[in-house]
C-alpha atoms as a PDB file:
ATOM      1  CA  UNK A   1      -0.011  -0.037  -0.010  1.00  0.00           C
ATOM      2  CA  UNK A   2       1.451   3.403  -1.016  1.00  0.00           C
ATOM      3  CA  UNK A   3       1.418   6.115   1.782  1.00  0.00           C
ATOM      4  CA  UNK A   4      -1.590   8.620   1.289  1.00  0.00           C
ATOM      5  CA  UNK A   5      -0.146  12.060   2.400  1.00  0.00           C
ATOM      6  CA  UNK A   6      -3.892  13.193   2.991  1.00  0.00           C
ATOM      7  CA  UNK A   7      -4.401  10.664   5.819  1.00  0.00           C
ATOM      8  CA  UNK A   8      -5.833  12.213   9.115  1.00  0.00           C
ATOM      9  CA  UNK A   9      -2.462  11.889  10.963  1.00  0.00           C
ATOM     10  CA  UNK A  10      -0.496  13.472   8.265  1.00  0.00           C
ATOM     11  CA  UNK A  11      -3.122  16.403   8.458  1.00  0.00           C
ATOM     12  CA  UNK A  12      -2.815  16.571  12.141  1.00  0.00           C
ATOM     13  CA  UNK A  13       0.869  16.718  12.140  1.00  0.00           C
ATOM     14  CA  UNK A  14       0.908  19.516   9.411  1.00  0.00           C
ATOM     15  CA  UNK A  15      -1.672  21.589  11.527  1.00  0.00           C
ATOM     16  CA  UNK A  16      -4.506  21.153   9.098  1.00  0.00           C
ATOM     17  CA  UNK A  17      -6.510  19.498  11.790  1.00  0.00           C
ATOM     18  CA  UNK A  18      -6.344  20.663  15.208  1.00  0.00           C
ATOM     19  CA  UNK A  19      -5.390  18.471  18.195  1.00  0.00           C
ATOM     20  CA  UNK A  20      -4.178  18.558  21.725  1.00  0.00           C
ATOM     21  CA  UNK A  21      -0.490  18.166  21.297  1.00  0.00           C
ATOM     22  CA  UNK A  22       1.477  16.116  24.007  1.00  0.00           C
ATOM     23  CA  UNK A  23       4.916  15.954  22.546  1.00  0.00           C
ATOM     24  CA  UNK A  24       7.027  16.814  19.521  1.00  0.00           C
ATOM     25  CA  UNK A  25      10.681  16.323  18.472  1.00  0.00           C
ATOM     26  CA  UNK A  26      12.514  15.640  15.136  1.00  0.00           C
ATOM     27  CA  UNK A  27      11.259  11.957  15.186  1.00  0.00           C
ATOM     28  CA  UNK A  28       7.774  11.872  16.634  1.00  0.00           C
ATOM     29  CA  UNK A  29       4.652  13.819  17.240  1.00  0.00           C
ATOM     30  CA  UNK A  30       2.092  13.016  19.824  1.00  0.00           C
ATOM     31  CA  UNK A  31      -1.384  14.054  20.781  1.00  0.00           C
ATOM     32  CA  UNK A  32      -4.409  13.063  22.903  1.00  0.00           C
ATOM     33  CA  UNK A  33      -6.822  10.512  21.071  1.00  0.00           C
ATOM     34  CA  UNK A  34     -10.183  12.304  20.167  1.00  0.00           C
ATOM     35  CA  UNK A  35     -12.064   9.021  21.299  1.00  0.00           C
ATOM     36  CA  UNK A  36     -10.023   7.826  24.288  1.00  0.00           C
ATOM     37  CA  UNK A  37     -10.284   4.269  25.287  1.00  0.00           C
ATOM     38  CA  UNK A  38      -8.701   4.962  28.739  1.00  0.00           C
ATOM     39  CA  UNK A  39      -8.120   7.967  31.047  1.00  0.00           C
ATOM     40  CA  UNK A  40      -4.851   8.535  29.272  1.00  0.00           C
ATOM     41  CA  UNK A  41      -4.778   7.828  25.523  1.00  0.00           C
ATOM     42  CA  UNK A  42      -2.075   9.320  23.605  1.00  0.00           C
ATOM     43  CA  UNK A  43      -1.402   8.512  20.043  1.00  0.00           C
ATOM     44  CA  UNK A  44       2.440   8.818  18.854  1.00  0.00           C
ATOM     45  CA  UNK A  45       3.301   9.028  15.235  1.00  0.00           C
ATOM     46  CA  UNK A  46       6.855   9.095  13.369  1.00  0.00           C
ATOM     47  CA  UNK A  47       7.642  12.266  11.401  1.00  0.00           C
ATOM     48  CA  UNK A  48       7.815  10.172   8.147  1.00  0.00           C
ATOM     49  CA  UNK A  49       5.859   8.547   5.340  1.00  0.00           C
ATOM     50  CA  UNK A  50       5.232   5.080   6.898  1.00  0.00           C
ATOM     51  CA  UNK A  51       1.983   3.062   6.400  1.00  0.00           C
ATOM     52  CA  UNK A  52       2.281   0.516   9.149  1.00  0.00           C
ATOM     53  CA  UNK A  53       4.552  -1.020  11.738  1.00  0.00           C
ATOM     54  CA  UNK A  54       6.077  -3.452   9.055  1.00  0.00           C
ATOM     55  CA  UNK A  55       6.652  -0.473   6.735  1.00  0.00           C
ATOM     56  CA  UNK A  56       8.291   1.561   9.464  1.00  0.00           C
ATOM     57  CA  UNK A  57      10.497  -1.392  10.766  1.00  0.00           C
ATOM     58  CA  UNK A  58      11.565  -2.263   7.239  1.00  0.00           C
ATOM     59  CA  UNK A  59      12.218   1.140   5.907  1.00  0.00           C
ATOM     60  CA  UNK A  60      13.055   3.590   8.856  1.00  0.00           C
ATOM     61  CA  UNK A  61      16.796   4.557   9.211  1.00  0.00           C
ATOM     62  CA  UNK A  62      18.059   3.369  12.553  1.00  0.00           C
ATOM     63  CA  UNK A  63      18.287   6.834  13.910  1.00  0.00           C
ATOM     64  CA  UNK A  64      14.556   7.117  13.205  1.00  0.00           C
ATOM     65  CA  UNK A  65      13.770   3.751  14.857  1.00  0.00           C
ATOM     66  CA  UNK A  66      15.730   4.714  17.940  1.00  0.00           C
ATOM     67  CA  UNK A  67      14.430   8.236  18.112  1.00  0.00           C
ATOM     68  CA  UNK A  68      10.857   7.189  17.819  1.00  0.00           C
ATOM     69  CA  UNK A  69      10.978   4.528  20.570  1.00  0.00           C
ATOM     70  CA  UNK A  70      12.938   6.978  22.503  1.00  0.00           C
ATOM     71  CA  UNK A  71       9.997   9.577  22.145  1.00  0.00           C
ATOM     72  CA  UNK A  72       7.530   6.855  23.249  1.00  0.00           C
ATOM     73  CA  UNK A  73       9.533   6.242  26.385  1.00  0.00           C
ATOM     74  CA  UNK A  74       9.868  10.115  27.076  1.00  0.00           C
ATOM     75  CA  UNK A  75       6.210  10.609  26.612  1.00  0.00           C
ATOM     76  CA  UNK A  76       5.437   7.928  29.084  1.00  0.00           C
ATOM     77  CA  UNK A  77       7.869   9.586  31.597  1.00  0.00           C
ATOM     78  CA  UNK A  78       6.648  13.113  31.212  1.00  0.00           C
ATOM     79  CA  UNK A  79       3.266  11.806  31.778  1.00  0.00           C
ATOM     80  CA  UNK A  80       4.293  10.040  34.943  1.00  0.00           C
ATOM     81  CA  UNK A  81       3.153   6.590  33.643  1.00  0.00           C
ATOM     82  CA  UNK A  82       4.400   3.515  35.202  1.00  0.00           C
ATOM     83  CA  UNK A  83       1.680   1.253  34.231  1.00  0.00           C
ATOM     84  CA  UNK A  84       0.791   1.535  30.663  1.00  0.00           C
ATOM     85  CA  UNK A  85      -0.174  -0.400  27.499  1.00  0.00           C
ATOM     86  CA  UNK A  86       1.426   0.233  23.913  1.00  0.00           C
ATOM     87  CA  UNK A  87      -0.706  -0.727  20.919  1.00  0.00           C
ATOM     88  CA  UNK A  88      -0.154  -0.802  17.349  1.00  0.00           C
ATOM     89  CA  UNK A  89      -2.363  -2.520  14.757  1.00  0.00           C
ATOM     90  CA  UNK A  90      -0.686  -3.582  11.475  1.00  0.00           C
ATOM     91  CA  UNK A  91      -3.110  -3.686   8.634  1.00  0.00           C
ATOM     92  CA  UNK A  92      -6.828  -3.601   8.260  1.00  0.00           C
ATOM     93  CA  UNK A  93      -7.295  -7.139   9.439  1.00  0.00           C
ATOM     94  CA  UNK A  94      -5.645  -6.298  12.842  1.00  0.00           C
ATOM     95  CA  UNK A  95      -7.860  -2.997  13.147  1.00  0.00           C
ATOM     96  CA  UNK A  96      -5.560  -0.485  11.723  1.00  0.00           C
ATOM     97  CA  UNK A  97      -8.039   2.305  10.309  1.00  0.00           C
ATOM     98  CA  UNK A  98      -5.439   5.168   9.676  1.00  0.00           C
ATOM     99  CA  UNK A  99      -2.538   3.884   7.477  1.00  0.00           C
ATOM    100  CA  UNK A 100       0.186   6.124   9.144  1.00  0.00           C
ATOM    101  CA  UNK A 101       2.196   3.946  11.459  1.00  0.00           C
ATOM    102  CA  UNK A 102       1.246   4.848  15.145  1.00  0.00           C
ATOM    103  CA  UNK A 103       1.275   3.753  18.680  1.00  0.00           C
ATOM    104  CA  UNK A 104      -1.280   4.223  21.303  1.00  0.00           C
ATOM    105  CA  UNK A 105      -0.354   4.814  24.855  1.00  0.00           C
ATOM    106  CA  UNK A 106      -3.098   3.784  27.271  1.00  0.00           C
ATOM    107  CA  UNK A 107      -3.039   4.224  30.882  1.00  0.00           C
ATOM    108  CA  UNK A 108      -4.974   5.342  34.062  1.00  0.00           C
ATOM    109  CA  UNK A 109      -7.005   2.319  34.566  1.00  0.00           C
ATOM    110  CA  UNK A 110      -6.549  -1.342  35.373  1.00  0.00           C
ATOM    111  CA  UNK A 111      -6.781  -3.276  32.007  1.00  0.00           C
ATOM    112  CA  UNK A 112      -7.092  -7.008  31.270  1.00  0.00           C
ATOM    113  CA  UNK A 113      -4.095  -9.102  30.513  1.00  0.00           C
ATOM    114  CA  UNK A 114      -4.885  -9.209  26.766  1.00  0.00           C
ATOM    115  CA  UNK A 115      -7.405  -7.787  24.310  1.00  0.00           C
ATOM    116  CA  UNK A 116      -9.534 -10.284  22.474  1.00  0.00           C
END
């Protein structure tokens, strides 16, 4: 699948759609989800044209991989999160609805061991 530069996350990152920004650096952009599934629900996206986790892990340069996951950790630390869940869906069959790689950080409530 080719990257669609008009996907909702690309528009959010460009400032075309407003959001409540949590974090930004050269590797990542993070904002509060508009339909939170937990008291804390932050979406973290890399600053690059990556469709999915598979695309990101195959094509991102090592400094982008390291910088993005460091940003996820920095966001959790800045939010004072100790117990949290990271979720990413890879492909429509797994529930990916926006085709820009992203990670959800969920926290603030007791969660079950796994999602069905």
